[in-house]
């Protein structure tokens, strides 16, 4: 799937760059380690399923946690849960640890306001061996109707 992400970047003429890591980066902490501990610029893409069984992608800083209560209020749903690994793959086409914030189709996206305040982030690069450096502006411009809201704990 990394190649599809790279094609998306090329097709849309983005300045984003996918780069290989030393080992796998299944978590924001491992991504920060690749960046010599600079976790302030790491973002993660987390897939949730709401009470209507609709998928949702939440983009937040790597050190933050999702407030399920805030997401439920924002969307007006009775419940949300983390997607199971096989659901993440089915919904996004990417494995956990490689889910990028762009090139995901037909899924509602929430960008946490702390991410929206950043100029650039490093995030999932299509598979657990790659990361992507991308401006937040490019993320927001390449998501259909993103919601920007405070959804962190």
C-alpha atoms as a PDB file:
ATOM      1  CA  UNK A   1       0.000   0.000   0.000  1.00  0.00           C
ATOM      2  CA  UNK A   2       2.964   2.311   0.477  1.00  0.00           C
ATOM      3  CA  UNK A   3       3.246   2.530  -3.302  1.00  0.00           C
ATOM      4  CA  UNK A   4      -0.366   3.699  -3.511  1.00  0.00           C
ATOM      5  CA  UNK A   5       0.408   6.411  -0.947  1.00  0.00           C
ATOM      6  CA  UNK A   6       3.463   7.468  -2.960  1.00  0.00           C
ATOM      7  CA  UNK A   7       1.305   7.550  -6.114  1.00  0.00           C
ATOM      8  CA  UNK A   8      -1.268   9.706  -4.272  1.00  0.00           C
ATOM      9  CA  UNK A   9       1.511  12.120  -3.280  1.00  0.00           C
ATOM     10  CA  UNK A  10       2.847  12.262  -6.844  1.00  0.00           C
ATOM     11  CA  UNK A  11      -0.570  12.549  -8.511  1.00  0.00           C
ATOM     12  CA  UNK A  12      -1.622  15.388  -6.205  1.00  0.00           C
ATOM     13  CA  UNK A  13       1.782  17.094  -6.478  1.00  0.00           C
ATOM     14  CA  UNK A  14       2.316  17.121  -2.723  1.00  0.00           C
ATOM     15  CA  UNK A  15       5.617  17.985  -1.093  1.00  0.00           C
ATOM     16  CA  UNK A  16       5.131  15.131   1.374  1.00  0.00           C
ATOM     17  CA  UNK A  17       7.994  12.643   1.577  1.00  0.00           C
ATOM     18  CA  UNK A  18       7.817   8.952   2.514  1.00  0.00           C
ATOM     19  CA  UNK A  19      11.008   7.629   4.073  1.00  0.00           C
ATOM     20  CA  UNK A  20      12.252   4.273   5.304  1.00  0.00           C
ATOM     21  CA  UNK A  21      12.866   3.637   9.006  1.00  0.00           C
ATOM     22  CA  UNK A  22      15.268   1.461  10.910  1.00  0.00           C
ATOM     23  CA  UNK A  23      12.964  -1.335  12.013  1.00  0.00           C
ATOM     24  CA  UNK A  24       9.200  -1.171  12.335  1.00  0.00           C
ATOM     25  CA  UNK A  25       7.283   1.840  13.646  1.00  0.00           C
ATOM     26  CA  UNK A  26       4.014   0.363  14.912  1.00  0.00           C
ATOM     27  CA  UNK A  27       3.523   3.199  17.406  1.00  0.00           C
ATOM     28  CA  UNK A  28       3.992   6.928  17.823  1.00  0.00           C
ATOM     29  CA  UNK A  29       6.678   6.215  20.442  1.00  0.00           C
ATOM     30  CA  UNK A  30       8.676   4.171  17.924  1.00  0.00           C
ATOM     31  CA  UNK A  31       8.192   6.907  15.325  1.00  0.00           C
ATOM     32  CA  UNK A  32       9.506   9.474  17.825  1.00  0.00           C
ATOM     33  CA  UNK A  33      12.536   7.256  18.434  1.00  0.00           C
ATOM     34  CA  UNK A  34      13.243   7.362  14.687  1.00  0.00           C
ATOM     35  CA  UNK A  35      13.170  11.155  14.957  1.00  0.00           C
ATOM     36  CA  UNK A  36      15.652  11.163  17.834  1.00  0.00           C
ATOM     37  CA  UNK A  37      12.882  11.564  20.420  1.00  0.00           C
ATOM     38  CA  UNK A  38      11.119  14.534  18.814  1.00  0.00           C
ATOM     39  CA  UNK A  39       7.599  13.314  19.633  1.00  0.00           C
ATOM     40  CA  UNK A  40       6.158  16.828  19.313  1.00  0.00           C
ATOM     41  CA  UNK A  41       6.072  16.450  15.527  1.00  0.00           C
ATOM     42  CA  UNK A  42       4.630  12.923  15.384  1.00  0.00           C
ATOM     43  CA  UNK A  43       0.976  12.471  14.427  1.00  0.00           C
ATOM     44  CA  UNK A  44      -0.998   9.254  14.422  1.00  0.00           C
ATOM     45  CA  UNK A  45      -4.050   8.136  12.457  1.00  0.00           C
ATOM     46  CA  UNK A  46      -6.468   6.078  14.530  1.00  0.00           C
ATOM     47  CA  UNK A  47      -9.511   4.313  13.120  1.00  0.00           C
ATOM     48  CA  UNK A  48     -12.679   4.244  15.210  1.00  0.00           C
ATOM     49  CA  UNK A  49     -16.075   2.648  14.606  1.00  0.00           C
ATOM     50  CA  UNK A  50     -19.151   4.510  15.817  1.00  0.00           C
ATOM     51  CA  UNK A  51     -22.446   3.126  17.136  1.00  0.00           C
ATOM     52  CA  UNK A  52     -23.884   3.199  13.589  1.00  0.00           C
ATOM     53  CA  UNK A  53     -20.943   0.982  12.504  1.00  0.00           C
ATOM     54  CA  UNK A  54     -19.484   3.878  10.492  1.00  0.00           C
ATOM     55  CA  UNK A  55     -15.691   4.231  10.360  1.00  0.00           C
ATOM     56  CA  UNK A  56     -13.929   7.376  11.476  1.00  0.00           C
ATOM     57  CA  UNK A  57     -10.284   8.419  11.176  1.00  0.00           C
ATOM     58  CA  UNK A  58      -8.909  10.571  13.986  1.00  0.00           C
ATOM     59  CA  UNK A  59      -5.585  12.343  13.495  1.00  0.00           C
ATOM     60  CA  UNK A  60      -3.899  13.487  16.671  1.00  0.00           C
ATOM     61  CA  UNK A  61      -0.437  14.071  18.050  1.00  0.00           C
ATOM     62  CA  UNK A  62       1.459  10.945  18.943  1.00  0.00           C
ATOM     63  CA  UNK A  63       1.665  11.739  22.644  1.00  0.00           C
ATOM     64  CA  UNK A  64      -2.076  12.441  22.942  1.00  0.00           C
ATOM     65  CA  UNK A  65      -4.938  10.057  23.648  1.00  0.00           C
ATOM     66  CA  UNK A  66      -8.438  10.208  22.180  1.00  0.00           C
ATOM     67  CA  UNK A  67     -11.307  11.380  24.338  1.00  0.00           C
ATOM     68  CA  UNK A  68     -14.072   9.018  23.285  1.00  0.00           C
ATOM     69  CA  UNK A  69     -16.550  11.238  25.157  1.00  0.00           C
ATOM     70  CA  UNK A  70     -15.592  14.287  23.070  1.00  0.00           C
ATOM     71  CA  UNK A  71     -15.834  12.285  19.830  1.00  0.00           C
ATOM     72  CA  UNK A  72     -19.304  10.980  20.778  1.00  0.00           C
ATOM     73  CA  UNK A  73     -20.558  14.491  21.528  1.00  0.00           C
ATOM     74  CA  UNK A  74     -18.977  15.937  18.373  1.00  0.00           C
ATOM     75  CA  UNK A  75     -20.579  13.320  16.137  1.00  0.00           C
ATOM     76  CA  UNK A  76     -23.801  12.890  18.095  1.00  0.00           C
ATOM     77  CA  UNK A  77     -23.379   9.134  18.428  1.00  0.00           C
ATOM     78  CA  UNK A  78     -23.984   6.895  21.423  1.00  0.00           C
ATOM     79  CA  UNK A  79     -20.661   5.074  21.274  1.00  0.00           C
ATOM     80  CA  UNK A  80     -17.277   4.787  19.552  1.00  0.00           C
ATOM     81  CA  UNK A  81     -14.612   2.115  19.793  1.00  0.00           C
ATOM     82  CA  UNK A  82     -11.190   1.396  18.391  1.00  0.00           C
ATOM     83  CA  UNK A  83     -11.293  -0.582  15.174  1.00  0.00           C
ATOM     84  CA  UNK A  84      -9.780  -4.036  15.294  1.00  0.00           C
ATOM     85  CA  UNK A  85      -6.587  -4.543  13.230  1.00  0.00           C
ATOM     86  CA  UNK A  86      -8.433  -6.437  10.500  1.00  0.00           C
ATOM     87  CA  UNK A  87     -11.051  -3.641  10.326  1.00  0.00           C
ATOM     88  CA  UNK A  88      -8.306  -1.019  10.001  1.00  0.00           C
ATOM     89  CA  UNK A  89      -6.836  -2.923   7.051  1.00  0.00           C
ATOM     90  CA  UNK A  90     -10.254  -3.437   5.438  1.00  0.00           C
ATOM     91  CA  UNK A  91     -11.360   0.202   5.904  1.00  0.00           C
ATOM     92  CA  UNK A  92      -8.130   2.011   5.028  1.00  0.00           C
ATOM     93  CA  UNK A  93      -6.155  -0.511   3.023  1.00  0.00           C
ATOM     94  CA  UNK A  94      -3.259   0.021   5.434  1.00  0.00           C
ATOM     95  CA  UNK A  95      -1.964  -1.969   8.387  1.00  0.00           C
ATOM     96  CA  UNK A  96      -1.822  -0.519  11.879  1.00  0.00           C
ATOM     97  CA  UNK A  97       1.478   1.321  12.167  1.00  0.00           C
ATOM     98  CA  UNK A  98       1.350   2.509   8.570  1.00  0.00           C
ATOM     99  CA  UNK A  99      -1.978   4.338   8.287  1.00  0.00           C
ATOM    100  CA  UNK A 100      -1.399   7.771   6.753  1.00  0.00           C
ATOM    101  CA  UNK A 101      -3.727  10.735   7.289  1.00  0.00           C
ATOM    102  CA  UNK A 102      -4.306  11.051   3.523  1.00  0.00           C
ATOM    103  CA  UNK A 103      -5.348   8.697   0.696  1.00  0.00           C
ATOM    104  CA  UNK A 104      -8.155   7.207   2.811  1.00  0.00           C
ATOM    105  CA  UNK A 105     -11.466   7.302   0.952  1.00  0.00           C
ATOM    106  CA  UNK A 106     -15.073   7.313   2.151  1.00  0.00           C
ATOM    107  CA  UNK A 107     -14.159   7.799   5.802  1.00  0.00           C
ATOM    108  CA  UNK A 108     -15.045  10.808   7.928  1.00  0.00           C
ATOM    109  CA  UNK A 109     -11.911  12.456   9.344  1.00  0.00           C
ATOM    110  CA  UNK A 110     -11.370  14.461  12.519  1.00  0.00           C
ATOM    111  CA  UNK A 111      -8.128  16.424  12.789  1.00  0.00           C
ATOM    112  CA  UNK A 112      -7.420  17.269  16.414  1.00  0.00           C
ATOM    113  CA  UNK A 113      -6.901  20.996  16.880  1.00  0.00           C
ATOM    114  CA  UNK A 114      -3.417  20.404  18.321  1.00  0.00           C
ATOM    115  CA  UNK A 115      -2.412  18.832  14.977  1.00  0.00           C
ATOM    116  CA  UNK A 116      -4.084  21.658  13.053  1.00  0.00           C
ATOM    117  CA  UNK A 117      -1.859  24.107  14.966  1.00  0.00           C
ATOM    118  CA  UNK A 118       1.317  22.427  13.659  1.00  0.00           C
ATOM    119  CA  UNK A 119       3.108  23.382  10.472  1.00  0.00           C
ATOM    120  CA  UNK A 120       4.439  19.896   9.672  1.00  0.00           C
ATOM    121  CA  UNK A 121       4.130  16.390  11.123  1.00  0.00           C
ATOM    122  CA  UNK A 122       5.620  12.954  10.672  1.00  0.00           C
ATOM    123  CA  UNK A 123       3.038  10.182  10.439  1.00  0.00           C
ATOM    124  CA  UNK A 124       2.284   6.751   9.013  1.00  0.00           C
ATOM    125  CA  UNK A 125       3.963   6.178   5.676  1.00  0.00           C
ATOM    126  CA  UNK A 126       1.917   3.350   4.202  1.00  0.00           C
ATOM    127  CA  UNK A 127       3.448   0.418   6.080  1.00  0.00           C
ATOM    128  CA  UNK A 128       5.146  -0.204   9.442  1.00  0.00           C
ATOM    129  CA  UNK A 129       8.625   0.298   7.923  1.00  0.00           C
ATOM    130  CA  UNK A 130       7.993   3.820   6.577  1.00  0.00           C
ATOM    131  CA  UNK A 131       7.018   7.248   7.854  1.00  0.00           C
ATOM    132  CA  UNK A 132       5.851  10.313   5.985  1.00  0.00           C
ATOM    133  CA  UNK A 133       6.783  13.967   6.540  1.00  0.00           C
ATOM    134  CA  UNK A 134       3.906  16.217   5.463  1.00  0.00           C
ATOM    135  CA  UNK A 135       2.613  19.710   6.128  1.00  0.00           C
ATOM    136  CA  UNK A 136      -0.651  19.934   8.017  1.00  0.00           C
ATOM    137  CA  UNK A 137      -1.926  22.197   5.251  1.00  0.00           C
ATOM    138  CA  UNK A 138      -1.433  19.342   2.751  1.00  0.00           C
ATOM    139  CA  UNK A 139      -3.250  16.944   5.076  1.00  0.00           C
ATOM    140  CA  UNK A 140      -6.259  19.233   5.465  1.00  0.00           C
ATOM    141  CA  UNK A 141      -6.376  20.074   1.759  1.00  0.00           C
ATOM    142  CA  UNK A 142      -6.387  16.373   0.841  1.00  0.00           C
ATOM    143  CA  UNK A 143      -9.184  15.230   3.138  1.00  0.00           C
ATOM    144  CA  UNK A 144     -12.815  15.528   2.118  1.00  0.00           C
ATOM    145  CA  UNK A 145     -14.670  17.772   4.615  1.00  0.00           C
ATOM    146  CA  UNK A 146     -12.346  17.333   7.599  1.00  0.00           C
ATOM    147  CA  UNK A 147     -13.649  18.210  11.043  1.00  0.00           C
ATOM    148  CA  UNK A 148     -11.118  20.175  13.086  1.00  0.00           C
ATOM    149  CA  UNK A 149     -11.877  19.864  16.772  1.00  0.00           C
ATOM    150  CA  UNK A 150     -10.362  19.197  20.180  1.00  0.00           C
ATOM    151  CA  UNK A 151     -10.833  15.436  20.674  1.00  0.00           C
ATOM    152  CA  UNK A 152      -7.881  14.656  22.939  1.00  0.00           C
ATOM    153  CA  UNK A 153      -8.034  13.790  26.636  1.00  0.00           C
END
